[in-house]
């Protein structure tokens, strides 16, 4: 069981490889398959394993990270 805040965990991960897409989700950038626009400016991050997560991050920030990997 991991007893650490998300901020602390995020600070230990390489920022070029991992991205915090919401308050409770950090993803490996290489595992992102696509970004899907949703309603009212919300977006969905779809991973290669089929799982999807809503994101609170600006879509442009995620797209920039994906371009520079």
C-alpha atoms as a PDB file:
ATOM      1  CA  UNK A   1       0.000   0.000   0.000  1.00  0.00           C
ATOM      2  CA  UNK A   2       1.381   3.358  -1.015  1.00  0.00           C
ATOM      3  CA  UNK A   3       1.051   6.157   1.536  1.00  0.00           C
ATOM      4  CA  UNK A   4       2.115   9.254  -0.327  1.00  0.00           C
ATOM      5  CA  UNK A   5       0.359  12.304  -1.726  1.00  0.00           C
ATOM      6  CA  UNK A   6      -0.134  12.538  -5.471  1.00  0.00           C
ATOM      7  CA  UNK A   7       2.019  15.675  -5.534  1.00  0.00           C
ATOM      8  CA  UNK A   8       4.852  13.874  -3.802  1.00  0.00           C
ATOM      9  CA  UNK A   9       4.552  10.862  -6.105  1.00  0.00           C
ATOM     10  CA  UNK A  10       4.435  13.151  -9.144  1.00  0.00           C
ATOM     11  CA  UNK A  11       7.622  14.928  -8.018  1.00  0.00           C
ATOM     12  CA  UNK A  12       9.481  11.579  -8.025  1.00  0.00           C
ATOM     13  CA  UNK A  13       8.476  10.714 -11.597  1.00  0.00           C
ATOM     14  CA  UNK A  14      10.298  12.008 -14.700  1.00  0.00           C
ATOM     15  CA  UNK A  15       8.163  14.914 -16.021  1.00  0.00           C
ATOM     16  CA  UNK A  16       8.985  14.108 -19.652  1.00  0.00           C
ATOM     17  CA  UNK A  17       7.522  10.607 -19.215  1.00  0.00           C
ATOM     18  CA  UNK A  18       4.550  11.118 -16.874  1.00  0.00           C
ATOM     19  CA  UNK A  19       1.717  13.625 -16.799  1.00  0.00           C
ATOM     20  CA  UNK A  20      -0.854  14.322 -14.142  1.00  0.00           C
ATOM     21  CA  UNK A  21      -4.117  14.607 -16.054  1.00  0.00           C
ATOM     22  CA  UNK A  22      -6.403  15.118 -13.051  1.00  0.00           C
ATOM     23  CA  UNK A  23      -6.353  15.335  -9.293  1.00  0.00           C
ATOM     24  CA  UNK A  24      -6.102  11.571  -8.883  1.00  0.00           C
ATOM     25  CA  UNK A  25      -4.588  10.273 -12.148  1.00  0.00           C
ATOM     26  CA  UNK A  26      -1.001  10.271 -13.428  1.00  0.00           C
ATOM     27  CA  UNK A  27      -0.363   8.572 -16.774  1.00  0.00           C
ATOM     28  CA  UNK A  28       2.664   7.424 -18.722  1.00  0.00           C
ATOM     29  CA  UNK A  29       2.706   9.631 -21.826  1.00  0.00           C
ATOM     30  CA  UNK A  30       3.792   6.699 -24.017  1.00  0.00           C
ATOM     31  CA  UNK A  31       0.561   4.884 -23.115  1.00  0.00           C
ATOM     32  CA  UNK A  32      -1.773   7.616 -24.379  1.00  0.00           C
ATOM     33  CA  UNK A  33      -3.551   6.440 -27.505  1.00  0.00           C
ATOM     34  CA  UNK A  34      -5.818   9.416 -28.144  1.00  0.00           C
ATOM     35  CA  UNK A  35      -7.533  12.484 -26.747  1.00  0.00           C
ATOM     36  CA  UNK A  36     -11.283  12.714 -27.205  1.00  0.00           C
ATOM     37  CA  UNK A  37     -13.172  15.994 -26.836  1.00  0.00           C
ATOM     38  CA  UNK A  38     -16.217  15.781 -24.589  1.00  0.00           C
ATOM     39  CA  UNK A  39     -18.908  18.266 -23.583  1.00  0.00           C
ATOM     40  CA  UNK A  40     -18.301  21.786 -22.246  1.00  0.00           C
ATOM     41  CA  UNK A  41     -14.566  21.797 -22.949  1.00  0.00           C
ATOM     42  CA  UNK A  42     -13.870  18.560 -21.103  1.00  0.00           C
ATOM     43  CA  UNK A  43     -11.640  15.910 -22.635  1.00  0.00           C
ATOM     44  CA  UNK A  44     -11.049  12.208 -22.268  1.00  0.00           C
ATOM     45  CA  UNK A  45      -7.599  10.594 -22.325  1.00  0.00           C
ATOM     46  CA  UNK A  46      -7.754   7.089 -23.831  1.00  0.00           C
ATOM     47  CA  UNK A  47      -4.862   4.754 -23.054  1.00  0.00           C
ATOM     48  CA  UNK A  48      -3.546   1.926 -25.231  1.00  0.00           C
ATOM     49  CA  UNK A  49      -4.970  -0.640 -22.786  1.00  0.00           C
ATOM     50  CA  UNK A  50      -8.478   0.705 -23.463  1.00  0.00           C
ATOM     51  CA  UNK A  51      -8.966   2.535 -20.189  1.00  0.00           C
ATOM     52  CA  UNK A  52     -10.086   6.139 -20.373  1.00  0.00           C
ATOM     53  CA  UNK A  53      -9.947   8.990 -17.891  1.00  0.00           C
ATOM     54  CA  UNK A  54     -11.455  12.462 -17.911  1.00  0.00           C
ATOM     55  CA  UNK A  55      -8.861  15.180 -17.702  1.00  0.00           C
ATOM     56  CA  UNK A  56      -8.917  18.495 -15.898  1.00  0.00           C
ATOM     57  CA  UNK A  57      -5.768  19.637 -17.674  1.00  0.00           C
ATOM     58  CA  UNK A  58      -5.935  21.921 -20.678  1.00  0.00           C
ATOM     59  CA  UNK A  59      -5.950  19.865 -23.867  1.00  0.00           C
ATOM     60  CA  UNK A  60      -3.171  22.029 -25.312  1.00  0.00           C
ATOM     61  CA  UNK A  61      -0.846  21.145 -22.429  1.00  0.00           C
ATOM     62  CA  UNK A  62      -1.374  17.427 -23.042  1.00  0.00           C
ATOM     63  CA  UNK A  63      -0.916  17.816 -26.807  1.00  0.00           C
ATOM     64  CA  UNK A  64       2.358  19.684 -26.267  1.00  0.00           C
ATOM     65  CA  UNK A  65       3.681  16.913 -24.036  1.00  0.00           C
ATOM     66  CA  UNK A  66       2.718  14.322 -26.656  1.00  0.00           C
ATOM     67  CA  UNK A  67       4.527  16.244 -29.406  1.00  0.00           C
ATOM     68  CA  UNK A  68       7.807  16.385 -27.493  1.00  0.00           C
ATOM     69  CA  UNK A  69       8.087  12.750 -26.418  1.00  0.00           C
END
